[in-house]
Structure formats: structure tokens, C-alpha cells
Amino acid sequence: MLSLSLALLAVAVLVWPVRHAPRRLRAVLPVSHHPKHRRRLPRPTSAVLAVAGAFVGWSVLGPGGAVANAVLCLTCWRRWHSRRTARRRAQVTEGMVGALGALVAELRVGAHPATAAERAAMDADPLAAKAMSTVAHTARLGGDVDRALARSAHTEPSLAGVLGHVGRAWRLAARHGVPLAEVLDAVRRDLDQRLQFSRQVHARMAGPRASAAVLAVLPELGVLLGEAIDARPLHVLASTLIGQLLLAGGALLICGGVLWSAKLTDHAALP
């Protein structure tokens, strides 16, 4: 009875639904593993979203609804894309700050720049590791690090500004004989301070962003309130010429205000 209980307990531990359970089962059971090729759905473009939004808007509120919904879809897509780009830029900047710190530490203990860049790439983020590998290969062959980093910046636009600072620092050290570790450490400190300042400004812009969101939602709440008191604003917007014009014009003004306020708040928080 005790052996049966222990066996059941061992099986329960093996199949416990945690992250490492499949790995333990594969180690115990000789199961043939066939990699599955997952089909990734194509990412929607702005044109596809505009057409889909216009079709839905036309079917509900007519031509004015088509214009309004297409503009709304494009605005949402642009805001999502810009916020994703900003997060990615902050992430890669933080990764490069860590990689530059490791590179400077290796240079200060007397390592060759190529060796220091290779060691810095070991524990860096993927994009920062790729940049450090480019630096290592170019420095080992005696090439132009600034030009190599400029070519790398074309493949990853979110790293363009950071790699530009590093390339200019490397060129300055090579041209004027300035210690490379000191110049790169100055670049690292500057990037770190910019990143910290950007986070502080982003946090302080939460109030203006919330105010802009509330102002953008107020017209829709007014329409819903009108429907609640049986004023039938949707009937006016969908069935009359003036309603169609007001619907399209109002959507353009609301989305324009959202984009303009987002531009003001995002520009202040750029690293």
C-alpha cells in the first residue's frame, strides 16, 4: 500500500502543470519529438484595417459611419504601433546600457576591444548582443566600427540613435587618442540618464493622457446618453444628410485631437 502511494505521488509530481513538467516527462519517457511548424497569421496593415472598419461602419451607420469607423481603426492602429515602438526603444536602450557597462568594465581591466565586446555580448539582450558582436568582429579585423554600426542601425531602427552615439565615441577615441573606456562610459551614463528622465516624464504625463482619453470618450457617452433618454441620436446620424456629415466630421476631429495630444505627450517622454 505504501509503495502504491509513493508511485502515485511520483506520477503526480511528474505531471504537475508547471513550466518544467514537459521537460521532465521528455527526459523520463522516450517519446519521439517531431517539431511542429506553426503558421503565423499575417499581421494586418493599416489599409486592411481601414477597409474592414469602413465595411463595418457602412453596414451599421451608412457612408458617414464608414468614414468614422475607418478613421477610428487607423487611429487605434497608429497609437498601438507608436506605443509598441516606444516600449521597444526603451527596452533596447536599457539593454545597450547594460552591454556598454560590461564592455567598459572589460576595457578597464586591460582587455582588447574585440575580446571585451565578445564578453559583453555573452550576457546582453539579443539586440545588444548582436551589436556587441558586430563591434567585436569589426575591431578584431581592424575595420571601421562606426561604419559597421551604421550598417547595423539600418536593420534595427530602434537602435539607430544608440548605435550612432557608440560609433561616434569609438571614432573620437581612435582619432584623438582618448581612452576608449572613458568615452564609452560617458556614452553609457548619458544613455542611462536619458532613460531615467524619459521614465519620469512618462509617469508625469499620465494625467494629461488620462484627460485626453476622457475628452475623446465624452462625445460617444453623449450619444449613448441620448439613446438612453429616447432622443434617438443614432437615428439622426444614420438616416439624415446632416447626421452623416456630423458623424464623419466629428470622428475626424476626435481622432485628430487624440493624435495631436499623443504627439505632445510622447514627444516629451522620448529617451
Protein backbone atom coordinates (compact mmCIF):
# COMPACT_ATOMS: atom_id res chain seq x y z
CA MET A 1 0.00 0.00 0.00
CA LEU A 2 2.84 2.35 0.85
CA SER A 3 4.66 1.54 -2.39
CA LEU A 4 1.49 2.22 -4.40
CA SER A 5 1.06 5.58 -2.67
CA LEU A 6 4.68 6.51 -3.40
CA ALA A 7 4.26 5.51 -7.05
CA LEU A 8 1.13 7.65 -7.40
CA LEU A 9 2.92 10.56 -5.73
CA ALA A 10 5.84 10.24 -8.17
CA VAL A 11 3.46 10.25 -11.15
CA ALA A 12 1.68 13.32 -9.74
CA VAL A 13 5.00 15.15 -9.40
CA LEU A 14 5.93 14.28 -12.98
CA VAL A 15 2.68 15.56 -14.47
CA TRP A 16 2.34 18.62 -12.21
CA PRO A 17 1.36 21.52 -14.55
CA VAL A 18 4.35 23.80 -14.21
CA ARG A 19 6.80 25.14 -16.73
CA HIS A 20 9.36 22.33 -16.26
CA ALA A 21 6.91 19.39 -16.31
CA PRO A 22 7.06 18.70 -20.09
CA ARG A 23 10.85 18.71 -19.91
CA ARG A 24 10.83 16.14 -17.07
CA LEU A 25 8.40 13.91 -18.93
CA ARG A 26 10.52 14.00 -22.09
CA ALA A 27 13.55 13.03 -20.02
CA VAL A 28 11.76 10.02 -18.48
CA LEU A 29 9.67 8.75 -21.41
CA PRO A 30 11.32 8.05 -24.79
CA VAL A 31 8.77 9.94 -26.86
CA SER A 32 9.69 10.79 -30.43
CA HIS A 33 9.53 14.54 -30.83
CA HIS A 34 8.51 15.99 -34.15
CA PRO A 35 8.76 19.77 -34.35
CA LYS A 36 5.52 21.39 -35.34
CA HIS A 37 5.57 24.22 -37.79
CA ARG A 38 3.15 26.82 -36.58
CA ARG A 39 1.58 29.01 -39.16
CA ARG A 40 1.66 32.62 -38.15
CA LEU A 41 -1.23 34.73 -39.24
CA PRO A 42 -0.23 37.72 -41.36
CA ARG A 43 -0.19 40.96 -39.44
CA PRO A 44 -2.92 43.36 -40.53
CA THR A 45 -1.85 46.53 -42.27
CA SER A 46 -3.38 49.96 -41.96
CA ALA A 47 -5.08 49.62 -45.35
CA VAL A 48 -6.71 46.31 -44.38
CA LEU A 49 -7.92 47.76 -41.09
CA ALA A 50 -9.30 50.84 -42.83
CA VAL A 51 -11.24 48.75 -45.37
CA ALA A 52 -12.58 46.40 -42.69
CA GLY A 53 -13.57 49.31 -40.47
CA ALA A 54 -15.25 51.11 -43.35
CA PHE A 55 -17.24 47.99 -44.25
CA VAL A 56 -18.46 47.54 -40.66
CA GLY A 57 -19.27 51.24 -40.33
CA TRP A 58 -21.18 51.28 -43.63
CA SER A 59 -23.28 48.29 -42.61
CA VAL A 60 -24.27 49.97 -39.32
CA LEU A 61 -24.36 53.74 -39.89
CA GLY A 62 -24.05 54.26 -43.63
CA PRO A 63 -21.36 56.25 -45.51
CA GLY A 64 -20.70 58.56 -42.58
CA GLY A 65 -20.23 55.55 -40.34
CA ALA A 66 -17.81 54.06 -42.87
CA VAL A 67 -15.62 57.17 -42.75
CA ALA A 68 -15.88 57.42 -38.97
CA ASN A 69 -15.05 53.78 -38.30
CA ALA A 70 -12.18 53.71 -40.81
CA VAL A 71 -10.62 56.77 -39.18
CA LEU A 72 -11.15 55.25 -35.74
CA CYS A 73 -9.47 51.98 -36.75
CA LEU A 74 -6.50 53.81 -38.26
CA THR A 75 -6.10 55.95 -35.15
CA CYS A 76 -6.18 52.94 -32.83
CA TRP A 77 -3.68 51.10 -35.02
CA ARG A 78 -1.32 54.07 -35.09
CA ARG A 79 -1.50 54.56 -31.34
CA TRP A 80 -0.86 50.86 -30.69
CA HIS A 81 2.08 50.83 -33.10
CA SER A 82 3.63 54.00 -31.64
CA ARG A 83 3.35 52.74 -28.07
CA ARG A 84 4.85 49.41 -29.06
CA THR A 85 7.73 51.22 -30.79
CA ALA A 86 8.35 53.38 -27.72
CA ARG A 87 8.43 50.35 -25.43
CA ARG A 88 10.82 48.56 -27.78
CA ARG A 89 13.09 51.61 -27.97
CA ALA A 90 13.23 51.88 -24.18
CA GLN A 91 13.93 48.15 -23.89
CA VAL A 92 16.79 48.12 -26.39
CA THR A 93 18.26 51.29 -24.85
CA GLU A 94 18.27 49.64 -21.44
CA GLY A 95 19.91 46.56 -22.93
CA MET A 96 22.61 48.65 -24.58
CA VAL A 97 23.27 50.47 -21.30
CA GLY A 98 23.97 47.13 -19.62
CA ALA A 99 26.12 45.91 -22.52
CA LEU A 100 28.15 49.13 -22.53
CA GLY A 101 28.68 48.79 -18.78
CA ALA A 102 30.10 45.30 -19.27
CA LEU A 103 32.23 46.49 -22.21
CA VAL A 104 33.68 49.37 -20.19
CA ALA A 105 34.46 47.06 -17.26
CA GLU A 106 36.36 44.69 -19.56
CA LEU A 107 38.29 47.54 -21.18
CA ARG A 108 39.33 48.95 -17.82
CA VAL A 109 40.93 45.66 -16.77
CA GLY A 110 43.06 45.71 -19.94
CA ALA A 111 41.09 43.51 -22.35
CA HIS A 112 41.37 44.04 -26.09
CA PRO A 113 38.31 45.86 -27.52
CA ALA A 114 37.32 42.83 -29.59
CA THR A 115 37.61 40.49 -26.61
CA ALA A 116 35.79 42.94 -24.37
CA ALA A 117 32.93 43.24 -26.85
CA GLU A 118 32.67 39.45 -27.15
CA ARG A 119 32.45 39.06 -23.38
CA ALA A 120 29.91 41.87 -23.14
CA ALA A 121 27.75 40.12 -25.75
CA MET A 122 27.51 36.93 -23.67
CA ASP A 123 25.10 38.28 -21.05
CA ALA A 124 23.47 41.06 -23.07
CA ASP A 125 19.99 41.24 -24.54
CA PRO A 126 19.63 39.78 -28.06
CA LEU A 127 19.77 43.10 -29.91
CA ALA A 128 22.55 44.46 -27.72
CA ALA A 129 24.45 41.17 -28.10
CA LYS A 130 24.16 41.46 -31.87
CA ALA A 131 25.55 44.99 -31.76
CA MET A 132 28.42 43.91 -29.49
CA SER A 133 29.20 41.00 -31.82
CA THR A 134 29.39 43.44 -34.73
CA VAL A 135 31.79 45.59 -32.72
CA ALA A 136 33.90 42.55 -31.82
CA HIS A 137 34.23 41.25 -35.39
CA THR A 138 34.98 44.69 -36.82
CA ALA A 139 37.54 45.56 -34.13
CA ARG A 140 39.28 42.21 -34.50
CA LEU A 141 39.68 42.76 -38.24
CA GLY A 142 40.76 46.39 -37.79
CA GLY A 143 37.74 47.79 -39.62
CA ASP A 144 35.70 50.94 -39.13
CA VAL A 145 33.45 50.32 -36.13
CA ASP A 146 31.45 53.48 -36.74
CA ARG A 147 30.55 52.41 -40.28
CA ALA A 148 29.75 48.85 -39.19
CA LEU A 149 27.39 50.13 -36.50
CA ALA A 150 25.76 52.46 -39.01
CA ARG A 151 25.03 49.47 -41.25
CA SER A 152 23.59 47.58 -38.27
CA ALA A 153 21.34 50.53 -37.44
CA HIS A 154 19.59 50.16 -40.82
CA THR A 155 18.43 46.65 -39.92
CA GLU A 156 17.17 47.68 -36.45
CA PRO A 157 15.80 51.25 -36.47
CA SER A 158 15.10 51.23 -32.72
CA LEU A 159 18.87 51.03 -32.11
CA ALA A 160 19.82 53.72 -34.62
CA GLY A 161 20.30 56.53 -32.09
CA VAL A 162 22.18 54.40 -29.56
CA LEU A 163 24.48 52.86 -32.14
CA GLY A 164 25.15 56.32 -33.57
CA HIS A 165 26.40 57.52 -30.15
CA VAL A 166 28.60 54.45 -29.73
CA GLY A 167 30.04 54.74 -33.24
CA ARG A 168 30.89 58.43 -32.81
CA ALA A 169 32.51 57.70 -29.44
CA TRP A 170 34.62 54.95 -30.99
CA ARG A 171 35.68 57.24 -33.84
CA LEU A 172 36.56 60.01 -31.38
CA ALA A 173 38.74 57.68 -29.31
CA ALA A 174 40.53 56.34 -32.40
CA ARG A 175 41.12 59.77 -33.95
CA HIS A 176 42.28 61.74 -30.89
CA GLY A 177 43.77 59.01 -28.70
CA VAL A 178 41.19 59.40 -25.92
CA PRO A 179 40.86 56.30 -23.68
CA LEU A 180 38.08 54.21 -25.20
CA ALA A 181 36.74 53.08 -21.84
CA GLU A 182 36.22 56.66 -20.64
CA VAL A 183 34.44 57.75 -23.81
CA LEU A 184 32.13 54.72 -23.86
CA ASP A 185 31.43 55.16 -20.15
CA ALA A 186 30.37 58.74 -20.83
CA VAL A 187 28.01 57.46 -23.55
CA ARG A 188 26.63 54.86 -21.13
CA ARG A 189 25.99 57.44 -18.42
CA ASP A 190 24.30 59.76 -20.91
CA LEU A 191 22.01 56.99 -22.19
CA ASP A 192 21.19 55.90 -18.66
CA GLN A 193 20.29 59.44 -17.61
CA ARG A 194 18.12 59.89 -20.70
CA LEU A 195 16.33 56.64 -19.98
CA GLN A 196 15.66 57.59 -16.36
CA PHE A 197 14.44 61.05 -17.38
CA SER A 198 12.17 59.51 -20.02
CA ARG A 199 10.60 57.21 -17.42
CA GLN A 200 9.99 60.10 -15.04
CA VAL A 201 8.39 62.25 -17.75
CA HIS A 202 6.28 59.31 -18.94
CA ALA A 203 4.97 58.83 -15.41
CA ARG A 204 4.20 62.54 -15.05
CA MET A 205 2.35 62.56 -18.37
CA ALA A 206 -0.21 60.06 -17.04
CA GLY A 207 -2.55 62.87 -16.00
CA PRO A 208 -2.60 64.65 -19.40
CA ARG A 209 -3.02 61.32 -21.20
CA ALA A 210 -5.98 60.41 -18.99
CA SER A 211 -7.56 63.83 -19.61
CA ALA A 212 -7.17 63.42 -23.37
CA ALA A 213 -8.75 59.96 -23.22
CA VAL A 214 -11.72 61.28 -21.22
CA LEU A 215 -12.26 64.14 -23.68
CA ALA A 216 -12.15 61.69 -26.59
CA VAL A 217 -14.77 59.42 -25.00
CA LEU A 218 -17.20 62.19 -23.98
CA PRO A 219 -18.93 62.52 -27.41
CA GLU A 220 -19.63 58.77 -27.53
CA LEU A 221 -21.02 58.92 -23.99
CA GLY A 222 -23.25 61.80 -25.07
CA VAL A 223 -24.68 59.71 -27.91
CA LEU A 224 -25.32 56.78 -25.55
CA LEU A 225 -26.98 59.11 -23.05
CA GLY A 226 -29.20 60.45 -25.82
CA GLU A 227 -30.25 56.93 -26.72
CA ALA A 228 -30.96 56.23 -23.06
CA ILE A 229 -33.40 59.15 -22.81
CA ASP A 230 -35.00 58.19 -26.17
CA ALA A 231 -33.67 61.22 -28.07
CA ARG A 232 -32.61 58.83 -30.92
CA PRO A 233 -29.30 60.47 -31.91
CA LEU A 234 -28.20 57.33 -33.77
CA HIS A 235 -31.26 57.57 -36.00
CA VAL A 236 -30.34 61.16 -36.85
CA LEU A 237 -26.71 60.23 -37.52
CA ALA A 238 -27.57 57.24 -39.69
CA SER A 239 -30.63 58.48 -41.59
CA THR A 240 -30.11 62.18 -42.36
CA LEU A 241 -27.59 64.00 -44.51
CA ILE A 242 -26.61 66.42 -41.77
CA GLY A 243 -26.21 63.48 -39.38
CA GLN A 244 -23.86 61.73 -41.80
CA LEU A 245 -21.77 64.88 -42.19
CA LEU A 246 -21.65 65.42 -38.43
CA LEU A 247 -20.71 61.79 -37.86
CA ALA A 248 -17.78 61.88 -40.29
CA GLY A 249 -16.63 65.34 -39.21
CA GLY A 250 -16.89 64.52 -35.51
CA ALA A 251 -14.87 61.33 -35.92
CA LEU A 252 -12.16 63.23 -37.82
CA LEU A 253 -11.97 65.92 -35.13
CA ILE A 254 -11.89 63.39 -32.26
CA CYS A 255 -9.18 61.25 -33.86
CA GLY A 256 -7.19 64.35 -34.81
CA GLY A 257 -7.31 65.53 -31.21
CA VAL A 258 -6.22 62.12 -29.95
CA LEU A 259 -3.23 62.02 -32.30
CA TRP A 260 -2.21 65.59 -31.52
CA SER A 261 -2.36 65.11 -27.74
CA ALA A 262 -0.47 61.81 -28.12
CA LYS A 263 2.22 63.55 -30.14
CA LEU A 264 2.65 66.20 -27.43
CA THR A 265 2.85 63.72 -24.56
CA ASP A 266 5.00 61.14 -26.38
CA HIS A 267 7.48 63.72 -27.67
CA ALA A 268 8.15 64.90 -24.11
CA ALA A 269 8.88 61.35 -22.95
CA LEU A 270 11.22 60.23 -25.74
CA PRO A 271 14.56 58.89 -24.40
